[in-house]
Amino acid sequence: MNTMPDLSTARLNLVCSEIADGRAKAENFNQGLCIGIILGVEDNAHYDKKICVPQNVGIKERAQVVRDYVASQPNRMNEAFASLVFDAMIKKWPCSFK
């Protein structure tokens, strides 16, 4: 999975309906939660002009950057995942204005 997911309301509403109806498997939910947090942090920080991920970077690379950063922060395992996601992504892809 290296391509960007379909973030349209039509697609996500179907997935959310599966969760609401109890038809989603826990492992799929947790994977989606991981990706959702990464994309949510990125979207919010991009809006604030803090994180600028190049368009050719897929989900897999985003997850690898976060995983590698988290591995370098063993004392932060009790912090919110989103905090480490933000730190990893701003370190790797800060917005630079010329």
Protein backbone atom coordinates (compact mmCIF):
# COMPACT_ATOMS: atom_id res chain seq x y z
CA MET A 1 0.00 0.00 0.00
CA ASN A 2 2.00 2.91 -1.26
CA THR A 3 -0.68 4.95 -2.97
CA MET A 4 -2.75 7.62 -1.31
CA PRO A 5 -6.10 6.35 -0.08
CA ASP A 6 -9.42 7.54 -1.45
CA LEU A 7 -10.35 10.27 1.05
CA SER A 8 -13.66 11.12 -0.58
CA THR A 9 -16.76 11.24 1.57
CA ALA A 10 -18.35 8.57 -0.63
CA ARG A 11 -15.58 6.09 0.22
CA LEU A 12 -14.98 7.01 3.86
CA ASN A 13 -18.68 7.01 4.68
CA LEU A 14 -18.84 3.37 3.54
CA VAL A 15 -15.91 2.46 5.79
CA CYS A 16 -17.31 4.41 8.74
CA SER A 17 -20.66 2.69 8.24
CA GLU A 18 -18.92 -0.69 8.54
CA ILE A 19 -17.48 0.46 11.88
CA ALA A 20 -20.83 1.80 13.05
CA ASP A 21 -22.53 -1.47 12.08
CA GLY A 22 -19.88 -3.59 13.83
CA ARG A 23 -18.68 -5.14 10.56
CA ALA A 24 -15.05 -3.92 10.73
CA LYS A 25 -12.26 -6.16 11.96
CA ALA A 26 -10.12 -4.79 14.79
CA GLU A 27 -6.82 -5.20 12.92
CA ASN A 28 -8.15 -3.30 9.92
CA PHE A 29 -9.49 -0.60 12.20
CA ASN A 30 -6.12 -0.17 13.96
CA GLN A 31 -4.26 0.03 10.66
CA GLY A 32 -6.74 2.61 9.47
CA LEU A 33 -6.41 4.49 12.73
CA CYS A 34 -2.63 4.65 12.28
CA ILE A 35 -2.95 5.95 8.73
CA GLY A 36 -5.76 8.28 9.76
CA ILE A 37 -3.70 9.85 12.52
CA ILE A 38 -0.72 10.29 10.19
CA LEU A 39 -2.85 11.92 7.48
CA GLY A 40 -4.80 13.98 10.02
CA VAL A 41 -1.67 15.38 11.61
CA GLU A 42 -0.23 16.08 8.18
CA ASP A 43 -3.38 17.78 6.95
CA ASN A 44 -3.64 20.01 10.01
CA ALA A 45 0.05 20.93 9.96
CA HIS A 46 0.01 21.52 6.20
CA TYR A 47 -2.89 23.92 6.67
CA ASP A 48 -0.74 25.80 9.21
CA LYS A 49 2.22 25.71 6.75
CA LYS A 50 4.34 23.55 9.08
CA ILE A 51 4.57 20.21 7.24
CA CYS A 52 4.91 19.98 3.45
CA VAL A 53 5.10 16.38 2.25
CA PRO A 54 5.95 16.12 -1.46
CA GLN A 55 3.10 14.81 -3.61
CA ASN A 56 5.07 11.76 -4.75
CA VAL A 57 5.40 10.40 -1.18
CA GLY A 58 3.01 7.53 -0.49
CA ILE A 59 1.45 6.12 2.65
CA LYS A 60 4.15 3.47 3.05
CA GLU A 61 6.95 6.06 3.17
CA ARG A 62 4.98 8.24 5.57
CA ALA A 63 4.52 5.25 7.88
CA GLN A 64 8.22 4.35 7.59
CA VAL A 65 9.26 7.87 8.58
CA VAL A 66 6.98 7.75 11.62
CA ARG A 67 8.07 4.22 12.57
CA ASP A 68 11.76 5.13 12.37
CA TYR A 69 11.28 8.29 14.40
CA VAL A 70 9.27 6.49 17.08
CA ALA A 71 12.01 3.83 17.31
CA SER A 72 14.48 6.62 18.14
CA GLN A 73 12.26 7.91 20.98
CA PRO A 74 11.91 5.01 23.47
CA ASN A 75 11.20 7.32 26.40
CA ARG A 76 8.12 8.77 24.69
CA MET A 77 6.03 5.59 24.36
CA ASN A 78 3.36 6.86 26.79
CA GLU A 79 2.78 10.08 24.85
CA ALA A 80 0.00 10.53 22.33
CA PHE A 81 0.91 8.96 18.99
CA ALA A 82 -0.10 12.14 17.17
CA SER A 83 2.61 14.09 19.01
CA LEU A 84 5.33 11.79 17.73
CA VAL A 85 3.80 11.74 14.25
CA PHE A 86 3.96 15.54 14.18
CA ASP A 87 7.59 15.57 15.36
CA ALA A 88 8.60 12.92 12.83
CA MET A 89 6.95 14.64 9.91
CA ILE A 90 8.09 18.15 10.69
CA LYS A 91 11.64 16.85 11.04
CA LYS A 92 11.45 15.05 7.67
CA TRP A 93 9.27 17.46 5.67
CA PRO A 94 9.27 20.98 7.12
CA CYS A 95 7.79 23.66 4.91
CA SER A 96 10.47 25.94 3.52
CA PHE A 97 9.61 29.23 1.98
CA LYS A 98 11.99 31.01 -0.34
